[in-house]
Amino acid sequence: MTTIAMPRTRRDSGMEGMVAKWYAANTAEMMNQYVELAERIAAELPQGSSVLEVAPGPGYFSIELAKRGDYSITGLDLSHTFVKIAAKKAAEAGVKVAFKQGSASNMPFPANSFDFLLCRAAFKNFGQPVAALEEMCRVLKPGSRGLIIDLKGNASPSELSREVEQMKLTWFNGIMTKLAFRTFLLKRAYTREHFLAMLAKTKFTHSEISESDIGLEIRVMK
């Protein structure tokens, strides 16, 4: 039986200050991705559903989802700066989303609180990934589901370059995004095999993993 080498557990770290503000401005250039994802999820979610976005960053997905239905939406992020940015943007958009500060591996919510959970482009940054998965399972209601979308750890340099070019960022942000992918994001990302090993340690009743050029989508059910 092959043993999967897992990255070492580390302390959680969140973007703060100017780095968080740059990230918010950079990802705003990809707003169409948040809109498309919100439309996709809204088509699957019954009205009145309680939704948790783990590590929402500037809050773009949660805000777009709030525009599309009568949902009770909460965003949990480690970064104090992101919580402030997201709350301000929600107010400017005229939607209600409760953004809270906290860790994915120690969520400040009771068990069985949410009908749906999303974690997009953040899982690779969690210091305790298995604990984060266990917490996701704990706060979901029985029979409810979650979706994790993230970079895959075995994406090639050429695949990463093509993906960034398709983002149609400004010249500077394109260069910085490629640099971020190559210098530390890819090193932190997990493969399909990593996720299978981690999910085996949780109480999720079902999981399904699909792959794209540079990403993974992990669907889980409690």
N, C-alpha and C. Protein backbone atom coordinates (compact mmCIF):
# COMPACT_ATOMS: atom_id res chain seq x y z
N MET A 1 0.84 -1.20 0.00
CA MET A 1 0.00 0.00 0.00
C MET A 1 0.88 1.24 0.00
N THR A 2 0.65 2.15 -0.93
CA THR A 2 1.46 3.36 -1.04
C THR A 2 1.08 4.35 0.05
N THR A 3 2.07 4.91 0.72
CA THR A 3 1.84 5.92 1.75
C THR A 3 1.94 7.30 1.12
N ILE A 4 0.92 8.13 1.35
CA ILE A 4 0.91 9.49 0.81
C ILE A 4 1.61 10.43 1.79
N ALA A 5 2.63 11.11 1.33
CA ALA A 5 3.35 12.07 2.18
C ALA A 5 2.53 13.35 2.27
N MET A 6 2.13 13.71 3.48
CA MET A 6 1.31 14.89 3.69
C MET A 6 2.18 16.08 4.14
N PRO A 7 1.82 17.30 3.72
CA PRO A 7 2.53 18.47 4.23
C PRO A 7 2.43 18.55 5.74
N ARG A 8 3.44 19.12 6.36
CA ARG A 8 3.46 19.21 7.81
C ARG A 8 2.41 20.21 8.31
N THR A 9 1.86 19.89 9.49
CA THR A 9 0.93 20.82 10.13
C THR A 9 1.67 22.11 10.49
N ARG A 10 1.02 23.23 10.28
CA ARG A 10 1.63 24.53 10.59
C ARG A 10 0.59 25.45 11.19
N ARG A 11 1.01 26.58 11.61
CA ARG A 11 0.07 27.55 12.16
C ARG A 11 -0.74 28.18 11.04
N ASP A 12 -2.02 28.45 11.34
CA ASP A 12 -2.84 29.17 10.37
C ASP A 12 -2.27 30.57 10.18
N SER A 13 -2.36 31.07 8.96
CA SER A 13 -1.93 32.45 8.71
C SER A 13 -2.88 33.07 7.69
N GLY A 14 -3.26 34.30 7.94
CA GLY A 14 -4.18 34.98 7.05
C GLY A 14 -3.55 36.25 6.50
N MET A 15 -4.04 36.69 5.36
CA MET A 15 -3.56 37.95 4.78
C MET A 15 -4.12 39.12 5.59
N GLU A 16 -3.27 40.08 5.85
CA GLU A 16 -3.71 41.27 6.57
C GLU A 16 -3.16 42.52 5.87
N GLY A 17 -3.72 43.65 6.22
CA GLY A 17 -3.21 44.94 5.75
C GLY A 17 -3.16 45.10 4.25
N MET A 18 -2.05 45.61 3.75
CA MET A 18 -1.91 45.95 2.33
C MET A 18 -1.94 44.69 1.45
N VAL A 19 -1.44 43.57 1.96
CA VAL A 19 -1.47 42.34 1.17
C VAL A 19 -2.91 41.91 0.92
N ALA A 20 -3.75 41.98 1.95
CA ALA A 20 -5.16 41.63 1.80
C ALA A 20 -5.87 42.60 0.86
N LYS A 21 -5.52 43.87 0.93
CA LYS A 21 -6.15 44.86 0.06
C LYS A 21 -5.74 44.65 -1.39
N TRP A 22 -4.45 44.27 -1.62
CA TRP A 22 -4.02 43.97 -2.98
C TRP A 22 -4.76 42.74 -3.51
N TYR A 23 -4.91 41.72 -2.67
CA TYR A 23 -5.61 40.51 -3.09
C TYR A 23 -7.06 40.83 -3.45
N ALA A 24 -7.70 41.67 -2.66
CA ALA A 24 -9.09 42.04 -2.93
C ALA A 24 -9.22 42.74 -4.27
N ALA A 25 -8.28 43.64 -4.56
CA ALA A 25 -8.31 44.37 -5.84
C ALA A 25 -7.98 43.43 -7.00
N ASN A 26 -7.03 42.54 -6.79
CA ASN A 26 -6.62 41.61 -7.85
C ASN A 26 -7.76 40.66 -8.22
N THR A 27 -8.39 40.06 -7.20
CA THR A 27 -9.45 39.09 -7.48
C THR A 27 -10.72 39.76 -7.98
N ALA A 28 -10.88 41.05 -7.74
CA ALA A 28 -12.04 41.77 -8.28
C ALA A 28 -12.01 41.77 -9.80
N GLU A 29 -10.82 41.63 -10.38
CA GLU A 29 -10.70 41.57 -11.84
C GLU A 29 -11.25 40.26 -12.40
N MET A 30 -11.51 39.30 -11.52
CA MET A 30 -12.06 38.00 -11.95
C MET A 30 -13.50 37.84 -11.47
N MET A 31 -14.24 38.95 -11.37
CA MET A 31 -15.58 38.91 -10.80
C MET A 31 -16.51 37.96 -11.55
N ASN A 32 -16.27 37.79 -12.85
CA ASN A 32 -17.14 36.89 -13.62
C ASN A 32 -17.10 35.47 -13.06
N GLN A 33 -15.96 35.06 -12.49
CA GLN A 33 -15.86 33.71 -11.91
C GLN A 33 -16.75 33.57 -10.68
N TYR A 34 -16.80 34.61 -9.86
CA TYR A 34 -17.66 34.59 -8.68
C TYR A 34 -19.13 34.60 -9.07
N VAL A 35 -19.46 35.38 -10.09
CA VAL A 35 -20.84 35.46 -10.57
C VAL A 35 -21.28 34.09 -11.10
N GLU A 36 -20.44 33.47 -11.92
CA GLU A 36 -20.78 32.17 -12.49
C GLU A 36 -20.95 31.10 -11.41
N LEU A 37 -20.07 31.13 -10.40
CA LEU A 37 -20.16 30.14 -9.33
C LEU A 37 -21.42 30.38 -8.49
N ALA A 38 -21.73 31.65 -8.21
CA ALA A 38 -22.93 31.97 -7.44
C ALA A 38 -24.19 31.52 -8.18
N GLU A 39 -24.22 31.72 -9.48
CA GLU A 39 -25.38 31.29 -10.26
C GLU A 39 -25.51 29.77 -10.25
N ARG A 40 -24.38 29.11 -10.34
CA ARG A 40 -24.37 27.64 -10.33
C ARG A 40 -24.87 27.09 -9.00
N ILE A 41 -24.40 27.66 -7.89
CA ILE A 41 -24.80 27.19 -6.57
C ILE A 41 -26.26 27.55 -6.29
N ALA A 42 -26.67 28.75 -6.68
CA ALA A 42 -28.05 29.17 -6.44
C ALA A 42 -29.05 28.26 -7.15
N ALA A 43 -28.65 27.73 -8.30
CA ALA A 43 -29.53 26.83 -9.04
C ALA A 43 -29.73 25.50 -8.31
N GLU A 44 -28.83 25.19 -7.38
CA GLU A 44 -28.90 23.92 -6.66
C GLU A 44 -29.46 24.06 -5.24
N LEU A 45 -29.47 25.30 -4.71
CA LEU A 45 -29.84 25.51 -3.31
C LEU A 45 -31.30 25.93 -3.15
N PRO A 46 -32.06 25.27 -2.29
CA PRO A 46 -33.42 25.72 -2.00
C PRO A 46 -33.39 27.08 -1.30
N GLN A 47 -34.42 27.88 -1.54
CA GLN A 47 -34.53 29.16 -0.85
C GLN A 47 -34.61 28.93 0.65
N GLY A 48 -34.01 29.84 1.41
CA GLY A 48 -34.01 29.72 2.86
C GLY A 48 -32.86 28.91 3.41
N SER A 49 -32.01 28.38 2.55
CA SER A 49 -30.89 27.56 3.01
C SER A 49 -29.89 28.39 3.81
N SER A 50 -29.28 27.76 4.80
CA SER A 50 -28.20 28.40 5.56
C SER A 50 -26.88 27.98 4.93
N VAL A 51 -26.05 28.98 4.62
CA VAL A 51 -24.82 28.75 3.85
C VAL A 51 -23.62 29.28 4.62
N LEU A 52 -22.55 28.50 4.64
CA LEU A 52 -21.29 28.96 5.22
C LEU A 52 -20.22 28.97 4.14
N GLU A 53 -19.58 30.13 3.96
CA GLU A 53 -18.39 30.18 3.13
C GLU A 53 -17.18 30.25 4.04
N VAL A 54 -16.30 29.27 3.93
CA VAL A 54 -15.09 29.22 4.74
C VAL A 54 -13.98 29.93 3.98
N ALA A 55 -13.36 30.92 4.62
CA ALA A 55 -12.31 31.74 4.03
C ALA A 55 -12.82 32.49 2.80
N PRO A 56 -13.80 33.37 2.97
CA PRO A 56 -14.37 34.11 1.84
C PRO A 56 -13.50 35.23 1.33
N GLY A 57 -12.44 35.58 2.05
CA GLY A 57 -11.60 36.69 1.59
C GLY A 57 -12.42 37.97 1.51
N PRO A 58 -12.41 38.64 0.35
CA PRO A 58 -13.16 39.90 0.20
C PRO A 58 -14.67 39.70 0.15
N GLY A 59 -15.13 38.45 0.13
CA GLY A 59 -16.56 38.19 0.22
C GLY A 59 -17.32 38.17 -1.08
N TYR A 60 -16.63 38.14 -2.22
CA TYR A 60 -17.31 38.28 -3.51
C TYR A 60 -18.34 37.19 -3.78
N PHE A 61 -18.00 35.92 -3.50
CA PHE A 61 -18.97 34.86 -3.76
C PHE A 61 -20.20 35.01 -2.87
N SER A 62 -20.00 35.19 -1.58
CA SER A 62 -21.13 35.30 -0.65
C SER A 62 -22.06 36.44 -1.04
N ILE A 63 -21.47 37.55 -1.44
CA ILE A 63 -22.27 38.71 -1.85
C ILE A 63 -23.07 38.40 -3.11
N GLU A 64 -22.44 37.77 -4.07
CA GLU A 64 -23.14 37.43 -5.31
C GLU A 64 -24.25 36.41 -5.04
N LEU A 65 -24.00 35.45 -4.16
CA LEU A 65 -25.04 34.48 -3.82
C LEU A 65 -26.21 35.16 -3.12
N ALA A 66 -25.92 36.10 -2.23
CA ALA A 66 -26.97 36.82 -1.51
C ALA A 66 -27.88 37.59 -2.45
N LYS A 67 -27.35 38.03 -3.60
CA LYS A 67 -28.16 38.74 -4.58
C LYS A 67 -29.15 37.82 -5.29
N ARG A 68 -28.94 36.52 -5.17
CA ARG A 68 -29.67 35.56 -5.99
C ARG A 68 -30.69 34.72 -5.22
N GLY A 69 -30.92 35.04 -3.97
CA GLY A 69 -31.92 34.25 -3.25
C GLY A 69 -32.03 34.64 -1.79
N ASP A 70 -33.03 34.06 -1.15
CA ASP A 70 -33.29 34.31 0.26
C ASP A 70 -32.51 33.29 1.08
N TYR A 71 -31.22 33.53 1.21
CA TYR A 71 -30.34 32.63 1.95
C TYR A 71 -29.83 33.30 3.22
N SER A 72 -29.54 32.48 4.21
CA SER A 72 -28.87 32.97 5.42
C SER A 72 -27.39 32.63 5.26
N ILE A 73 -26.57 33.65 4.96
CA ILE A 73 -25.19 33.41 4.56
C ILE A 73 -24.22 33.95 5.61
N THR A 74 -23.25 33.11 5.95
CA THR A 74 -22.19 33.48 6.89
C THR A 74 -20.84 33.24 6.22
N GLY A 75 -19.91 34.15 6.44
CA GLY A 75 -18.55 33.98 5.95
C GLY A 75 -17.59 33.97 7.12
N LEU A 76 -16.70 33.00 7.18
CA LEU A 76 -15.73 32.89 8.27
C LEU A 76 -14.33 33.00 7.71
N ASP A 77 -13.57 34.01 8.15
CA ASP A 77 -12.22 34.20 7.65
C ASP A 77 -11.27 34.50 8.79
N LEU A 78 -10.06 34.00 8.69
CA LEU A 78 -9.05 34.23 9.71
C LEU A 78 -8.59 35.68 9.74
N SER A 79 -8.65 36.34 8.59
CA SER A 79 -8.13 37.70 8.45
C SER A 79 -9.10 38.77 8.95
N HIS A 80 -8.64 39.59 9.89
CA HIS A 80 -9.44 40.72 10.34
C HIS A 80 -9.67 41.71 9.20
N THR A 81 -8.64 41.90 8.38
CA THR A 81 -8.76 42.84 7.26
C THR A 81 -9.83 42.39 6.28
N PHE A 82 -9.84 41.10 5.93
CA PHE A 82 -10.84 40.60 4.99
C PHE A 82 -12.25 40.72 5.55
N VAL A 83 -12.42 40.46 6.84
CA VAL A 83 -13.74 40.58 7.45
C VAL A 83 -14.27 42.01 7.29
N LYS A 84 -13.39 42.99 7.51
CA LYS A 84 -13.80 44.39 7.37
C LYS A 84 -14.10 44.73 5.92
N ILE A 85 -13.24 44.28 5.00
CA ILE A 85 -13.45 44.56 3.57
C ILE A 85 -14.76 43.93 3.11
N ALA A 86 -14.98 42.67 3.46
CA ALA A 86 -16.17 41.95 3.01
C ALA A 86 -17.44 42.58 3.57
N ALA A 87 -17.43 42.94 4.84
CA ALA A 87 -18.61 43.56 5.44
C ALA A 87 -18.94 44.88 4.76
N LYS A 88 -17.92 45.66 4.44
CA LYS A 88 -18.13 46.94 3.76
C LYS A 88 -18.70 46.71 2.36
N LYS A 89 -18.18 45.74 1.64
CA LYS A 89 -18.65 45.47 0.28
C LYS A 89 -20.09 44.94 0.29
N ALA A 90 -20.44 44.14 1.29
CA ALA A 90 -21.82 43.65 1.40
C ALA A 90 -22.78 44.81 1.65
N ALA A 91 -22.38 45.73 2.52
CA ALA A 91 -23.21 46.89 2.81
C ALA A 91 -23.38 47.75 1.56
N GLU A 92 -22.30 47.93 0.81
CA GLU A 92 -22.37 48.71 -0.42
C GLU A 92 -23.26 48.05 -1.46
N ALA A 93 -23.29 46.72 -1.46
CA ALA A 93 -24.13 45.97 -2.42
C ALA A 93 -25.57 45.86 -1.95
N GLY A 94 -25.83 46.25 -0.70
CA GLY A 94 -27.19 46.20 -0.17
C GLY A 94 -27.68 44.80 0.15
N VAL A 95 -26.77 43.90 0.50
CA VAL A 95 -27.15 42.53 0.84
C VAL A 95 -26.70 42.22 2.27
N LYS A 96 -27.32 41.20 2.84
CA LYS A 96 -27.02 40.81 4.21
C LYS A 96 -26.19 39.54 4.24
N VAL A 97 -24.96 39.66 4.67
CA VAL A 97 -24.07 38.52 4.89
C VAL A 97 -23.35 38.76 6.21
N ALA A 98 -23.31 37.76 7.08
CA ALA A 98 -22.62 37.89 8.37
C ALA A 98 -21.19 37.41 8.24
N PHE A 99 -20.25 38.33 8.16
CA PHE A 99 -18.84 37.97 8.08
C PHE A 99 -18.24 37.96 9.47
N LYS A 100 -17.59 36.85 9.82
CA LYS A 100 -17.01 36.68 11.16
C LYS A 100 -15.54 36.30 11.05
N GLN A 101 -14.79 36.63 12.10
CA GLN A 101 -13.38 36.26 12.15
C GLN A 101 -13.23 34.95 12.91
N GLY A 102 -12.42 34.04 12.37
CA GLY A 102 -12.18 32.79 13.06
C GLY A 102 -11.42 31.81 12.20
N SER A 103 -11.00 30.71 12.80
CA SER A 103 -10.19 29.70 12.13
C SER A 103 -11.04 28.57 11.57
N ALA A 104 -10.64 28.08 10.40
CA ALA A 104 -11.35 26.96 9.78
C ALA A 104 -11.22 25.69 10.61
N SER A 105 -10.17 25.58 11.39
CA SER A 105 -9.95 24.37 12.20
C SER A 105 -10.55 24.46 13.59
N ASN A 106 -11.22 25.57 13.89
CA ASN A 106 -11.89 25.74 15.19
C ASN A 106 -13.03 26.73 15.01
N MET A 107 -14.07 26.30 14.32
CA MET A 107 -15.15 27.22 13.93
C MET A 107 -16.06 27.56 15.11
N PRO A 108 -16.45 28.83 15.21
CA PRO A 108 -17.29 29.28 16.33
C PRO A 108 -18.78 29.07 16.08
N PHE A 109 -19.15 27.88 15.61
CA PHE A 109 -20.54 27.59 15.30
C PHE A 109 -20.95 26.26 15.95
N PRO A 110 -22.22 26.14 16.34
CA PRO A 110 -22.70 24.86 16.87
C PRO A 110 -22.70 23.78 15.79
N ALA A 111 -22.72 22.55 16.20
CA ALA A 111 -22.83 21.44 15.25
C ALA A 111 -24.17 21.52 14.52
N ASN A 112 -24.19 21.00 13.31
CA ASN A 112 -25.43 20.89 12.52
C ASN A 112 -26.08 22.25 12.27
N SER A 113 -25.26 23.23 11.84
CA SER A 113 -25.76 24.60 11.66
C SER A 113 -26.10 24.97 10.22
N PHE A 114 -25.48 24.31 9.23
CA PHE A 114 -25.57 24.81 7.85
C PHE A 114 -26.06 23.74 6.87
N ASP A 115 -26.78 24.22 5.85
CA ASP A 115 -27.28 23.36 4.78
C ASP A 115 -26.26 23.17 3.66
N PHE A 116 -25.36 24.12 3.52
CA PHE A 116 -24.37 24.05 2.44
C PHE A 116 -23.12 24.81 2.87
N LEU A 117 -21.97 24.33 2.40
CA LEU A 117 -20.69 24.96 2.75
C LEU A 117 -19.84 25.05 1.49
N LEU A 118 -19.18 26.19 1.34
CA LEU A 118 -18.25 26.38 0.23
C LEU A 118 -16.90 26.84 0.77
N CYS A 119 -15.83 26.30 0.20
CA CYS A 119 -14.47 26.78 0.47
C CYS A 119 -13.77 26.86 -0.87
N ARG A 120 -13.49 28.06 -1.33
CA ARG A 120 -12.91 28.25 -2.66
C ARG A 120 -11.54 28.89 -2.56
N ALA A 121 -10.55 28.27 -3.19
CA ALA A 121 -9.19 28.83 -3.33
C ALA A 121 -8.54 29.18 -2.00
N ALA A 122 -8.83 28.40 -0.96
CA ALA A 122 -8.27 28.71 0.35
C ALA A 122 -7.79 27.49 1.12
N PHE A 123 -8.25 26.31 0.76
CA PHE A 123 -7.96 25.13 1.58
C PHE A 123 -6.47 24.88 1.73
N LYS A 124 -5.71 25.15 0.68
CA LYS A 124 -4.26 24.91 0.73
C LYS A 124 -3.55 25.79 1.76
N ASN A 125 -4.22 26.83 2.23
CA ASN A 125 -3.60 27.75 3.18
C ASN A 125 -3.88 27.38 4.64
N PHE A 126 -4.71 26.36 4.87
CA PHE A 126 -5.06 25.99 6.23
C PHE A 126 -3.91 25.26 6.90
N GLY A 127 -3.58 25.66 8.11
CA GLY A 127 -2.48 25.03 8.83
C GLY A 127 -2.78 23.61 9.28
N GLN A 128 -4.07 23.31 9.53
CA GLN A 128 -4.49 21.99 9.99
C GLN A 128 -5.61 21.49 9.08
N PRO A 129 -5.26 20.98 7.91
CA PRO A 129 -6.28 20.64 6.92
C PRO A 129 -7.26 19.56 7.35
N VAL A 130 -6.80 18.53 8.05
CA VAL A 130 -7.72 17.48 8.49
C VAL A 130 -8.69 18.04 9.52
N ALA A 131 -8.18 18.84 10.45
CA ALA A 131 -9.05 19.48 11.44
C ALA A 131 -10.07 20.37 10.77
N ALA A 132 -9.67 21.06 9.70
CA ALA A 132 -10.61 21.91 8.97
C ALA A 132 -11.72 21.07 8.33
N LEU A 133 -11.35 19.94 7.75
CA LEU A 133 -12.36 19.04 7.17
C LEU A 133 -13.30 18.50 8.26
N GLU A 134 -12.74 18.16 9.39
CA GLU A 134 -13.57 17.66 10.50
C GLU A 134 -14.54 18.74 10.98
N GLU A 135 -14.08 19.98 11.02
CA GLU A 135 -14.96 21.07 11.42
C GLU A 135 -16.05 21.33 10.38
N MET A 136 -15.69 21.23 9.10
CA MET A 136 -16.69 21.38 8.05
C MET A 136 -17.79 20.34 8.21
N CYS A 137 -17.39 19.11 8.50
CA CYS A 137 -18.36 18.04 8.71
C CYS A 137 -19.22 18.33 9.94
N ARG A 138 -18.60 18.78 10.99
CA ARG A 138 -19.33 19.02 12.25
C ARG A 138 -20.42 20.07 12.08
N VAL A 139 -20.13 21.18 11.39
CA VAL A 139 -21.09 22.28 11.33
C VAL A 139 -22.16 22.08 10.26
N LEU A 140 -21.96 21.12 9.35
CA LEU A 140 -23.02 20.82 8.38
C LEU A 140 -24.12 19.99 9.03
N LYS A 141 -25.34 20.21 8.57
CA LYS A 141 -26.46 19.40 9.04
C LYS A 141 -26.38 18.00 8.42
N PRO A 142 -26.91 16.98 9.09
CA PRO A 142 -26.93 15.64 8.51
C PRO A 142 -27.62 15.66 7.14
N GLY A 143 -26.99 15.02 6.17
CA GLY A 143 -27.54 14.99 4.83
C GLY A 143 -27.18 16.19 3.97
N SER A 144 -26.51 17.17 4.58
CA SER A 144 -26.12 18.38 3.84
C SER A 144 -24.76 18.17 3.18
N ARG A 145 -24.39 19.13 2.33
CA ARG A 145 -23.19 18.91 1.52
C ARG A 145 -22.30 20.14 1.49
N GLY A 146 -21.07 19.91 1.06
CA GLY A 146 -20.10 20.99 0.93
C GLY A 146 -19.34 20.85 -0.37
N LEU A 147 -18.73 21.95 -0.78
CA LEU A 147 -17.93 21.98 -2.00
C LEU A 147 -16.63 22.71 -1.72
N ILE A 148 -15.52 22.04 -1.97
CA ILE A 148 -14.19 22.63 -1.84
C ILE A 148 -13.59 22.75 -3.23
N ILE A 149 -13.17 23.95 -3.61
CA ILE A 149 -12.56 24.19 -4.91
C ILE A 149 -11.17 24.75 -4.67
N ASP A 150 -10.15 24.10 -5.24
CA ASP A 150 -8.80 24.60 -4.97
C ASP A 150 -7.82 24.16 -6.05
N LEU A 151 -6.65 24.75 -5.98
CA LEU A 151 -5.54 24.40 -6.85
C LEU A 151 -5.10 22.97 -6.55
N LYS A 152 -4.73 22.22 -7.60
CA LYS A 152 -4.22 20.87 -7.36
C LYS A 152 -2.69 20.90 -7.32
N GLY A 153 -2.15 20.11 -6.42
CA GLY A 153 -0.72 20.16 -6.15
C GLY A 153 0.18 19.65 -7.25
N ASN A 154 -0.39 18.97 -8.25
CA ASN A 154 0.44 18.47 -9.35
C ASN A 154 0.17 19.19 -10.67
N ALA A 155 -0.36 20.42 -10.57
CA ALA A 155 -0.54 21.23 -11.78
C ALA A 155 0.83 21.60 -12.35
N SER A 156 0.95 21.62 -13.68
CA SER A 156 2.24 21.90 -14.32
C SER A 156 2.43 23.41 -14.50
N PRO A 157 3.68 23.88 -14.63
CA PRO A 157 3.95 25.31 -14.86
C PRO A 157 3.21 25.85 -16.10
N SER A 158 3.16 25.07 -17.16
CA SER A 158 2.48 25.54 -18.38
C SER A 158 0.98 25.66 -18.15
N GLU A 159 0.40 24.74 -17.39
CA GLU A 159 -1.03 24.82 -17.08
C GLU A 159 -1.33 26.04 -16.23
N LEU A 160 -0.46 26.33 -15.27
CA LEU A 160 -0.64 27.51 -14.42
C LEU A 160 -0.55 28.79 -15.24
N SER A 161 0.41 28.86 -16.16
CA SER A 161 0.58 30.06 -16.99
C SER A 161 -0.65 30.28 -17.85
N ARG A 162 -1.19 29.22 -18.46
CA ARG A 162 -2.38 29.34 -19.29
C ARG A 162 -3.58 29.82 -18.48
N GLU A 163 -3.70 29.30 -17.26
CA GLU A 163 -4.82 29.69 -16.41
C GLU A 163 -4.75 31.17 -16.06
N VAL A 164 -3.57 31.66 -15.70
CA VAL A 164 -3.43 33.07 -15.35
C VAL A 164 -3.72 33.96 -16.56
N GLU A 165 -3.26 33.55 -17.73
CA GLU A 165 -3.51 34.33 -18.94
C GLU A 165 -5.01 34.42 -19.23
N GLN A 166 -5.76 33.36 -18.93
CA GLN A 166 -7.19 33.38 -19.15
C GLN A 166 -7.93 34.27 -18.16
N MET A 167 -7.28 34.61 -17.06
CA MET A 167 -7.89 35.49 -16.07
C MET A 167 -7.99 36.93 -16.57
N LYS A 168 -7.17 37.27 -17.58
CA LYS A 168 -7.17 38.61 -18.19
C LYS A 168 -6.95 39.70 -17.14
N LEU A 169 -5.93 39.49 -16.32
CA LEU A 169 -5.56 40.47 -15.31
C LEU A 169 -4.73 41.58 -15.95
N THR A 170 -4.51 42.65 -15.19
CA THR A 170 -3.59 43.67 -15.65
C THR A 170 -2.19 43.05 -15.73
N TRP A 171 -1.29 43.71 -16.47
CA TRP A 171 0.06 43.17 -16.64
C TRP A 171 0.72 42.90 -15.30
N PHE A 172 0.68 43.88 -14.39
CA PHE A 172 1.34 43.73 -13.10
C PHE A 172 0.71 42.61 -12.28
N ASN A 173 -0.62 42.58 -12.20
CA ASN A 173 -1.28 41.55 -11.40
C ASN A 173 -1.09 40.17 -12.01
N GLY A 174 -0.98 40.10 -13.33
CA GLY A 174 -0.72 38.81 -13.96
C GLY A 174 0.65 38.28 -13.57
N ILE A 175 1.66 39.14 -13.61
CA ILE A 175 3.02 38.74 -13.21
C ILE A 175 3.05 38.30 -11.74
N MET A 176 2.41 39.08 -10.87
CA MET A 176 2.40 38.77 -9.44
C MET A 176 1.64 37.48 -9.15
N THR A 177 0.56 37.23 -9.89
CA THR A 177 -0.22 36.01 -9.67
C THR A 177 0.57 34.78 -10.11
N LYS A 178 1.25 34.85 -11.25
CA LYS A 178 2.09 33.74 -11.68
C LYS A 178 3.20 33.47 -10.66
N LEU A 179 3.78 34.53 -10.14
CA LEU A 179 4.85 34.39 -9.15
C LEU A 179 4.32 33.72 -7.88
N ALA A 180 3.13 34.13 -7.45
CA ALA A 180 2.54 33.54 -6.25
C ALA A 180 2.26 32.05 -6.44
N PHE A 181 1.71 31.70 -7.60
CA PHE A 181 1.46 30.29 -7.90
C PHE A 181 2.74 29.47 -7.81
N ARG A 182 3.79 29.96 -8.44
CA ARG A 182 5.01 29.17 -8.58
C ARG A 182 5.86 29.12 -7.33
N THR A 183 5.83 30.20 -6.52
CA THR A 183 6.74 30.26 -5.38
C THR A 183 6.19 29.63 -4.11
N PHE A 184 4.87 29.73 -3.87
CA PHE A 184 4.38 29.12 -2.63
C PHE A 184 3.00 28.49 -2.71
N LEU A 185 2.12 28.94 -3.57
CA LEU A 185 0.78 28.35 -3.59
C LEU A 185 0.81 26.89 -4.02
N LEU A 186 1.57 26.58 -5.07
CA LEU A 186 1.64 25.21 -5.56
C LEU A 186 2.27 24.28 -4.53
N LYS A 187 3.23 24.80 -3.76
CA LYS A 187 3.90 23.99 -2.74
C LYS A 187 2.94 23.61 -1.61
N ARG A 188 1.92 24.45 -1.39
CA ARG A 188 0.97 24.18 -0.32
C ARG A 188 -0.24 23.37 -0.79
N ALA A 189 -0.43 23.28 -2.09
CA ALA A 189 -1.64 22.65 -2.62
C ALA A 189 -1.59 21.13 -2.49
N TYR A 190 -2.77 20.52 -2.52
CA TYR A 190 -2.90 19.08 -2.35
C TYR A 190 -3.33 18.41 -3.65
N THR A 191 -2.98 17.15 -3.79
CA THR A 191 -3.40 16.35 -4.93
C THR A 191 -4.68 15.61 -4.58
N ARG A 192 -5.25 14.96 -5.60
CA ARG A 192 -6.42 14.12 -5.38
C ARG A 192 -6.14 13.06 -4.31
N GLU A 193 -4.96 12.48 -4.36
CA GLU A 193 -4.59 11.43 -3.40
C GLU A 193 -4.50 11.99 -1.98
N HIS A 194 -3.99 13.20 -1.85
CA HIS A 194 -3.95 13.84 -0.53
C HIS A 194 -5.36 13.97 0.04
N PHE A 195 -6.28 14.48 -0.80
CA PHE A 195 -7.64 14.68 -0.30
C PHE A 195 -8.31 13.36 0.06
N LEU A 196 -8.09 12.32 -0.73
CA LEU A 196 -8.67 11.02 -0.40
C LEU A 196 -8.16 10.53 0.95
N ALA A 197 -6.87 10.73 1.22
CA ALA A 197 -6.29 10.32 2.50
C ALA A 197 -6.86 11.13 3.65
N MET A 198 -7.02 12.44 3.45
CA MET A 198 -7.56 13.29 4.52
C MET A 198 -9.04 13.01 4.77
N LEU A 199 -9.81 12.85 3.71
CA LEU A 199 -11.24 12.59 3.86
C LEU A 199 -11.51 11.28 4.57
N ALA A 200 -10.61 10.32 4.41
CA ALA A 200 -10.76 9.02 5.07
C ALA A 200 -10.72 9.15 6.59
N LYS A 201 -10.19 10.25 7.08
CA LYS A 201 -10.08 10.47 8.52
C LYS A 201 -11.29 11.21 9.10
N THR A 202 -12.24 11.57 8.25
CA THR A 202 -13.40 12.34 8.68
C THR A 202 -14.65 11.48 8.72
N LYS A 203 -15.77 12.09 9.12
CA LYS A 203 -17.05 11.38 9.22
C LYS A 203 -17.98 11.69 8.05
N PHE A 204 -17.45 12.29 6.98
CA PHE A 204 -18.29 12.49 5.81
C PHE A 204 -18.74 11.13 5.29
N THR A 205 -20.01 11.05 4.89
CA THR A 205 -20.54 9.77 4.41
C THR A 205 -20.26 9.54 2.94
N HIS A 206 -19.96 10.60 2.21
CA HIS A 206 -19.72 10.46 0.77
C HIS A 206 -18.82 11.59 0.31
N SER A 207 -17.95 11.29 -0.64
CA SER A 207 -17.12 12.33 -1.25
C SER A 207 -16.89 11.99 -2.71
N GLU A 208 -16.69 13.02 -3.50
CA GLU A 208 -16.47 12.86 -4.94
C GLU A 208 -15.50 13.94 -5.39
N ILE A 209 -14.47 13.57 -6.12
CA ILE A 209 -13.44 14.51 -6.54
C ILE A 209 -13.34 14.54 -8.06
N SER A 210 -13.41 15.75 -8.62
CA SER A 210 -13.21 15.92 -10.06
C SER A 210 -12.04 16.86 -10.28
N GLU A 211 -11.37 16.72 -11.44
CA GLU A 211 -10.18 17.50 -11.74
C GLU A 211 -10.36 18.32 -13.01
N SER A 212 -9.73 19.50 -13.02
CA SER A 212 -9.61 20.32 -14.23
C SER A 212 -8.12 20.49 -14.50
N ASP A 213 -7.76 21.39 -15.39
CA ASP A 213 -6.35 21.58 -15.73
C ASP A 213 -5.49 21.87 -14.51
N ILE A 214 -5.94 22.82 -13.67
CA ILE A 214 -5.12 23.16 -12.50
C ILE A 214 -5.86 22.99 -11.18
N GLY A 215 -7.11 22.57 -11.22
CA GLY A 215 -7.89 22.57 -10.00
C GLY A 215 -8.55 21.26 -9.65
N LEU A 216 -9.06 21.23 -8.43
CA LEU A 216 -9.85 20.12 -7.92
C LEU A 216 -11.17 20.65 -7.39
N GLU A 217 -12.22 19.87 -7.56
CA GLU A 217 -13.50 20.13 -6.92
C GLU A 217 -13.82 18.91 -6.08
N ILE A 218 -13.97 19.15 -4.78
CA ILE A 218 -14.24 18.06 -3.85
C ILE A 218 -15.64 18.27 -3.29
N ARG A 219 -16.55 17.38 -3.63
CA ARG A 219 -17.92 17.43 -3.12
C ARG A 219 -18.02 16.45 -1.97
N VAL A 220 -18.56 16.90 -0.86
CA VAL A 220 -18.69 16.04 0.32
C VAL A 220 -20.13 16.09 0.83
N MET A 221 -20.52 15.03 1.51
CA MET A 221 -21.84 14.97 2.13
C MET A 221 -21.71 14.39 3.52
N LYS A 222 -22.45 14.98 4.44
CA LYS A 222 -22.43 14.50 5.82
C LYS A 222 -23.46 13.38 5.99
